[in-house]
Amino acid sequence: MGEASPKPIILSQNRLREWLASREARVSLYAAVLDRRLAEAAAGRARLRVPEARGLRRRLPGKPFHGDPEFFFQESGVIDFELPEQAFALRAGEAALIPAGMPHGERWSGRFLNVIFMVQPDGFSLHLGYLENGPKCGPADRFLGPTETLVRYAQELAASADEAGADEAGADERLRQGLLLAFLSRLRRGIDGEAPEPTVGAPLLRRCQELMDTHYARLDFSVEWLAANLGCSPDHLSRVYRRRAGRRLIEAMHELRIERAMRLLRGSAMGVAEVAWACGYARPSYFNRRFRARTGLTPREFAVSKIGDDPRP
């Protein structure tokens, strides 16, 4: 493993255009980011921010939470995180682990570039965050990887950081660095693996699916929001999606959310209202109706039944 790079990767317009245009270029960027973070962790010099476990699964406007942990690798610029009863700024060269169920809002500033890790049903994804006339998310690149292992390491890392509190010395800090090293090692191996086949072929629909996979937990998630971020009208997006994918876009959006909810109901300690919020539904009653239309069961019945991915006969 080589020495850590002395400086974070610097964003330029030419490099940004290259990254946005090519998955191969983005994977090279992810590899460079992770290789440097691995070298820092191996040397005991990794800078990781983990918020305290306060206010987990609290329903706060403008501060969604996810059912799985997220990692932010900051390369340039600053994220100001706002969380229940706490806040911190994530700066270049630092990383942040946002635990599962942690409500958070973000403000981006400066010459901004980061890489964000998210859990997906069949693996994980990495995508770029950058500023260009406002916050932007680059294409989400999905990988078939050891998702359960990555989540376990992240959860153990969050628990270790919370138990240690402000004490960053001795065995507790060595444990955190070791867990971070294990997480980064598995993640680095994962990006060299096979990519899942895209479910839709047209470039507009691939980008639409990437936004759906990344932003489904937003309370303002809608066809209108997707169209605004794709630079087209809602009617055009809906027509193209139905013609190419063979189903209505709004139904695909709800199906994605309900599939994420099914996974959380099976594999987490969240209650029904918490799962609803984590999947972007502000009203549990509406979530219940959508869930029953998809599965034939209420969320509570599904959680008790232990039925698999598709309980319909």
Protein backbone atom coordinates (compact mmCIF):
# COMPACT_ATOMS: atom_id res chain seq x y z
CA MET A 1 0.00 0.00 0.00
CA GLY A 2 1.55 3.31 -1.08
CA GLU A 3 2.02 6.42 0.97
CA ALA A 4 -0.91 8.74 1.53
CA SER A 5 -1.23 11.58 -0.97
CA PRO A 6 -0.24 14.90 0.63
CA LYS A 7 -3.31 16.75 -0.62
CA PRO A 8 -6.93 15.91 -1.46
CA ILE A 9 -8.00 15.69 -5.09
CA ILE A 10 -8.75 19.17 -6.42
CA LEU A 11 -11.85 19.82 -8.49
CA SER A 12 -11.47 21.43 -11.92
CA GLN A 13 -14.09 21.89 -14.62
CA ASN A 14 -12.18 19.72 -17.10
CA ARG A 15 -11.80 16.88 -14.61
CA LEU A 16 -15.42 17.22 -13.52
CA ARG A 17 -16.63 16.91 -17.11
CA GLU A 18 -14.46 13.81 -17.54
CA TRP A 19 -15.83 12.22 -14.36
CA LEU A 20 -19.44 12.98 -15.24
CA ALA A 21 -19.05 11.56 -18.74
CA SER A 22 -17.37 8.24 -17.93
CA ARG A 23 -17.99 5.50 -15.38
CA GLU A 24 -14.42 4.32 -15.96
CA ALA A 25 -13.08 7.76 -15.02
CA ARG A 26 -15.28 7.86 -11.92
CA VAL A 27 -14.14 4.42 -10.79
CA SER A 28 -10.53 5.60 -11.14
CA LEU A 29 -11.40 8.59 -8.95
CA TYR A 30 -13.07 6.36 -6.33
CA ALA A 31 -9.99 4.11 -6.32
CA ALA A 32 -7.65 7.09 -5.81
CA VAL A 33 -9.81 8.44 -2.96
CA LEU A 34 -10.02 5.06 -1.21
CA ASP A 35 -6.34 4.23 -1.72
CA ARG A 36 -5.34 7.45 0.02
CA ARG A 37 -7.82 6.89 2.85
CA LEU A 38 -6.56 3.32 3.25
CA ALA A 39 -2.97 4.56 3.58
CA GLU A 40 -4.05 7.13 6.17
CA ALA A 41 -5.99 4.54 8.16
CA ALA A 42 -3.07 2.09 8.06
CA ALA A 43 -0.83 4.84 9.43
CA GLY A 44 -3.36 5.73 12.14
CA ARG A 45 -3.94 9.16 10.63
CA ALA A 46 -7.48 8.83 9.26
CA ARG A 47 -9.76 11.73 10.12
CA LEU A 48 -13.26 10.36 10.65
CA ARG A 49 -16.22 12.26 12.09
CA VAL A 50 -19.03 10.24 13.65
CA PRO A 51 -21.92 12.14 15.29
CA GLU A 52 -23.17 11.15 18.70
CA ALA A 53 -26.17 8.82 18.74
CA ARG A 54 -28.66 11.48 19.83
CA GLY A 55 -32.04 11.94 18.19
CA LEU A 56 -31.94 8.75 16.16
CA ARG A 57 -35.01 8.22 13.95
CA ARG A 58 -36.46 11.59 14.97
CA ARG A 59 -38.84 13.02 12.37
CA LEU A 60 -37.45 16.49 11.62
CA PRO A 61 -38.52 18.58 8.58
CA GLY A 62 -35.66 19.02 6.14
CA LYS A 63 -33.55 16.36 7.87
CA PRO A 64 -34.30 12.93 6.40
CA PHE A 65 -32.70 9.77 7.68
CA HIS A 66 -31.85 6.50 5.97
CA GLY A 67 -32.24 2.96 7.18
CA ASP A 68 -28.58 2.23 6.41
CA PRO A 69 -25.33 4.09 7.22
CA GLU A 70 -23.80 6.57 4.77
CA PHE A 71 -20.17 7.57 4.31
CA PHE A 72 -19.02 10.96 3.02
CA PHE A 73 -15.42 11.31 1.78
CA GLN A 74 -14.71 15.03 1.50
CA GLU A 75 -12.11 15.97 -1.12
CA SER A 76 -12.56 19.75 -1.29
CA GLY A 77 -14.97 22.34 0.06
CA VAL A 78 -17.04 21.99 3.24
CA ILE A 79 -20.27 20.27 4.31
CA ASP A 80 -21.98 21.79 7.31
CA PHE A 81 -23.99 18.97 8.86
CA GLU A 82 -27.01 19.81 11.01
CA LEU A 83 -28.18 16.94 13.22
CA PRO A 84 -30.37 16.64 16.33
CA GLU A 85 -28.73 18.66 19.13
CA GLN A 86 -25.37 18.77 17.31
CA ALA A 87 -23.61 20.10 14.23
CA PHE A 88 -20.18 19.84 12.65
CA ALA A 89 -18.28 20.93 9.54
CA LEU A 90 -16.70 18.26 7.34
CA ARG A 91 -13.59 19.62 5.62
CA ALA A 92 -11.24 18.46 2.87
CA GLY A 93 -9.40 15.28 3.75
CA GLU A 94 -11.97 14.22 6.35
CA ALA A 95 -14.66 11.53 6.21
CA ALA A 96 -17.99 11.30 8.00
CA LEU A 97 -20.03 8.26 8.94
CA ILE A 98 -23.71 9.11 9.31
CA PRO A 99 -25.24 6.19 11.26
CA ALA A 100 -28.46 4.50 10.19
CA GLY A 101 -31.46 6.45 11.40
CA MET A 102 -29.57 9.73 11.97
CA PRO A 103 -31.56 12.76 10.74
CA HIS A 104 -29.29 15.22 8.98
CA GLY A 105 -29.36 18.32 6.87
CA GLU A 106 -26.44 19.48 4.73
CA ARG A 107 -25.10 22.83 3.46
CA TRP A 108 -22.33 22.66 0.85
CA SER A 109 -19.83 25.46 0.25
CA GLY A 110 -16.46 26.20 -1.34
CA ARG A 111 -14.79 24.50 -4.28
CA PHE A 112 -16.78 21.40 -3.51
CA LEU A 113 -16.19 17.73 -4.30
CA ASN A 114 -16.96 14.60 -2.33
CA VAL A 115 -17.66 10.89 -2.79
CA ILE A 116 -20.72 9.41 -1.07
CA PHE A 117 -21.27 5.75 -0.19
CA MET A 118 -24.83 4.40 0.05
CA VAL A 119 -26.27 0.91 0.53
CA GLN A 120 -28.37 -0.52 -2.31
CA PRO A 121 -30.53 -3.67 -2.28
CA ASP A 122 -28.12 -5.64 -4.47
CA GLY A 123 -24.85 -4.07 -3.37
CA PHE A 124 -23.76 -0.48 -2.84
CA SER A 125 -23.32 2.74 -4.80
CA LEU A 126 -20.83 5.58 -4.94
CA HIS A 127 -21.58 8.98 -6.39
CA LEU A 128 -20.03 12.43 -6.62
CA GLY A 129 -21.29 15.55 -4.92
CA TYR A 130 -20.24 18.86 -6.45
CA LEU A 131 -21.33 22.50 -6.68
CA GLU A 132 -22.32 23.95 -10.04
CA ASN A 133 -25.03 26.59 -9.77
CA GLY A 134 -26.15 24.81 -6.62
CA PRO A 135 -25.54 21.35 -5.08
CA LYS A 136 -25.44 18.55 -7.65
CA CYS A 137 -25.19 14.78 -7.45
CA GLY A 138 -23.25 13.03 -10.17
CA PRO A 139 -24.17 9.64 -11.62
CA ALA A 140 -24.57 6.89 -9.03
CA ASP A 141 -22.32 3.96 -9.88
CA ARG A 142 -23.59 0.67 -8.48
CA PHE A 143 -21.41 -2.28 -7.50
CA LEU A 144 -22.17 -5.86 -6.52
CA GLY A 145 -20.30 -6.08 -3.25
CA PRO A 146 -20.27 -7.43 0.30
CA THR A 147 -23.10 -5.20 1.49
CA GLU A 148 -23.83 -7.01 4.75
CA THR A 149 -20.15 -6.93 5.71
CA LEU A 150 -19.84 -3.22 4.89
CA VAL A 151 -22.94 -2.39 6.91
CA ARG A 152 -21.71 -4.46 9.86
CA TYR A 153 -18.34 -2.71 9.90
CA ALA A 154 -20.05 0.69 9.66
CA GLN A 155 -22.45 -0.14 12.49
CA GLU A 156 -19.62 -1.40 14.70
CA LEU A 157 -17.61 1.72 13.90
CA ALA A 158 -20.51 3.98 14.85
CA ALA A 159 -21.09 2.04 18.09
CA SER A 160 -17.39 2.18 18.95
CA ALA A 161 -17.24 5.93 18.37
CA ASP A 162 -20.36 6.50 20.45
CA GLU A 163 -19.11 4.38 23.35
CA ALA A 164 -15.75 6.16 23.36
CA GLY A 165 -17.30 9.64 23.31
CA ALA A 166 -14.69 12.37 23.31
CA ASP A 167 -11.87 10.03 24.37
CA GLU A 168 -9.74 9.48 21.25
CA ALA A 169 -6.75 7.86 22.91
CA GLY A 170 -5.53 4.34 23.50
CA ALA A 171 -7.38 1.15 22.68
CA ASP A 172 -10.64 2.85 21.66
CA GLU A 173 -8.92 4.87 18.96
CA ARG A 174 -6.99 1.83 17.72
CA LEU A 175 -10.26 -0.08 17.49
CA ARG A 176 -11.87 2.70 15.45
CA GLN A 177 -8.90 2.91 13.10
CA GLY A 178 -8.97 -0.88 12.69
CA LEU A 179 -12.68 -0.96 11.91
CA LEU A 180 -12.28 1.91 9.46
CA LEU A 181 -9.40 0.09 7.78
CA ALA A 182 -11.53 -3.06 7.46
CA PHE A 183 -14.45 -1.08 6.00
CA LEU A 184 -12.23 0.75 3.49
CA SER A 185 -10.47 -2.46 2.46
CA ARG A 186 -13.74 -4.24 1.66
CA LEU A 187 -15.10 -1.17 -0.11
CA ARG A 188 -11.94 -0.85 -2.21
CA ARG A 189 -12.18 -4.51 -3.22
CA GLY A 190 -15.84 -4.04 -4.02
CA ILE A 191 -15.30 -1.37 -6.68
CA ASP A 192 -13.11 -3.79 -8.65
CA GLY A 193 -16.01 -6.22 -8.87
CA GLU A 194 -18.86 -6.68 -11.28
CA ALA A 195 -21.44 -3.96 -11.89
CA PRO A 196 -25.15 -4.89 -11.99
CA GLU A 197 -26.90 -4.67 -15.32
CA PRO A 198 -28.90 -1.43 -15.72
CA THR A 199 -32.65 -1.97 -15.51
CA VAL A 200 -33.37 0.67 -18.17
CA GLY A 201 -31.24 1.42 -21.21
CA ALA A 202 -31.89 5.00 -22.37
CA PRO A 203 -29.44 7.57 -20.90
CA LEU A 204 -32.26 9.76 -19.56
CA LEU A 205 -33.86 6.80 -17.79
CA ARG A 206 -30.55 5.53 -16.41
CA ARG A 207 -29.93 8.93 -14.86
CA CYS A 208 -33.53 8.98 -13.61
CA GLN A 209 -33.01 5.60 -11.94
CA GLU A 210 -29.78 6.83 -10.33
CA LEU A 211 -31.58 9.82 -8.84
CA MET A 212 -34.38 7.58 -7.61
CA ASP A 213 -31.93 5.17 -5.96
CA THR A 214 -30.12 8.06 -4.24
CA HIS A 215 -32.94 10.41 -3.25
CA TYR A 216 -35.97 8.20 -2.59
CA ALA A 217 -36.01 9.24 1.10
CA ARG A 218 -36.68 12.92 0.32
CA LEU A 219 -40.12 14.10 1.37
CA ASP A 220 -40.27 16.23 -1.81
CA PHE A 221 -39.38 13.25 -4.00
CA SER A 222 -41.73 13.45 -6.99
CA VAL A 223 -41.91 13.28 -10.77
CA GLU A 224 -41.62 17.08 -10.76
CA TRP A 225 -38.45 16.94 -8.63
CA LEU A 226 -36.89 14.29 -10.87
CA ALA A 227 -37.72 16.23 -14.03
CA ALA A 228 -36.27 19.47 -12.62
CA ASN A 229 -33.00 17.67 -11.83
CA LEU A 230 -32.93 16.03 -15.26
CA GLY A 231 -33.60 19.25 -17.16
CA CYS A 232 -36.87 18.23 -18.77
CA SER A 233 -40.60 18.58 -18.18
CA PRO A 234 -42.52 16.15 -15.94
CA ASP A 235 -44.79 15.18 -18.83
CA HIS A 236 -41.84 14.40 -21.11
CA LEU A 237 -40.10 12.34 -18.44
CA SER A 238 -43.29 10.40 -17.67
CA ARG A 239 -43.94 9.67 -21.35
CA VAL A 240 -40.37 8.54 -22.06
CA TYR A 241 -40.28 6.37 -18.95
CA ARG A 242 -43.55 4.63 -19.74
CA ARG A 243 -42.59 4.09 -23.38
CA ARG A 244 -39.12 2.69 -22.58
CA ALA A 245 -39.71 0.94 -19.23
CA GLY A 246 -43.26 -0.28 -19.88
CA ARG A 247 -44.78 1.15 -16.69
CA ARG A 248 -45.69 4.50 -15.15
CA LEU A 249 -42.88 6.41 -13.49
CA ILE A 250 -44.90 7.22 -10.37
CA GLU A 251 -45.57 3.51 -9.84
CA ALA A 252 -41.87 2.71 -10.24
CA MET A 253 -41.06 5.36 -7.62
CA HIS A 254 -43.49 3.88 -5.11
CA GLU A 255 -42.30 0.35 -5.87
CA LEU A 256 -38.70 1.34 -5.16
CA ARG A 257 -39.71 2.92 -1.84
CA ILE A 258 -41.80 -0.07 -0.79
CA GLU A 259 -38.99 -2.51 -1.66
CA ARG A 260 -36.63 -0.47 0.56
CA ALA A 261 -39.28 -0.52 3.28
CA MET A 262 -39.64 -4.30 3.05
CA ARG A 263 -35.90 -4.68 3.63
CA LEU A 264 -36.00 -2.39 6.68
CA LEU A 265 -39.04 -4.12 8.16
CA ARG A 266 -37.21 -7.45 7.90
CA GLY A 267 -33.75 -6.37 8.94
CA SER A 268 -33.93 -3.42 11.33
CA ALA A 269 -35.46 -2.51 14.67
CA MET A 270 -37.40 0.42 13.18
CA GLY A 271 -41.11 0.76 13.79
CA VAL A 272 -43.59 1.21 10.96
CA ALA A 273 -43.74 5.02 11.27
CA GLU A 274 -39.92 5.20 11.32
CA VAL A 275 -39.63 2.99 8.23
CA ALA A 276 -42.22 5.15 6.47
CA TRP A 277 -40.19 8.30 7.17
CA ALA A 278 -36.91 6.62 6.16
CA CYS A 279 -38.51 5.80 2.80
CA GLY A 280 -39.89 9.29 2.21
CA TYR A 281 -43.48 8.90 3.43
CA ALA A 282 -44.51 11.65 5.84
CA ARG A 283 -47.88 10.02 6.63
CA PRO A 284 -47.83 6.42 7.92
CA SER A 285 -51.44 5.94 6.81
CA TYR A 286 -50.51 6.66 3.18
CA PHE A 287 -47.46 4.41 3.52
CA ASN A 288 -49.72 1.63 4.83
CA ARG A 289 -52.02 1.94 1.80
CA ARG A 290 -49.14 1.90 -0.65
CA PHE A 291 -47.48 -1.02 1.11
CA ARG A 292 -50.66 -3.09 1.15
CA ALA A 293 -51.31 -2.37 -2.55
CA ARG A 294 -47.82 -3.70 -3.36
CA THR A 295 -47.66 -6.70 -1.01
CA GLY A 296 -51.19 -7.59 0.02
CA LEU A 297 -50.18 -7.10 3.68
CA THR A 298 -49.91 -4.18 6.05
CA PRO A 299 -46.34 -3.26 7.07
CA ARG A 300 -46.93 -4.72 10.53
CA GLU A 301 -48.30 -7.98 9.10
CA PHE A 302 -45.31 -8.20 6.75
CA ALA A 303 -42.81 -7.64 9.57
CA VAL A 304 -44.37 -10.47 11.59
CA SER A 305 -44.83 -12.85 8.64
CA LYS A 306 -41.10 -13.14 7.71
CA ILE A 307 -42.15 -13.45 4.09
CA GLY A 308 -39.52 -12.81 1.41
CA ASP A 309 -39.13 -10.10 -1.20
CA ASP A 310 -42.41 -10.60 -3.03
CA PRO A 311 -45.20 -12.04 -0.89
CA ARG A 312 -47.80 -12.01 -3.63
CA PRO A 313 -48.87 -15.43 -4.92
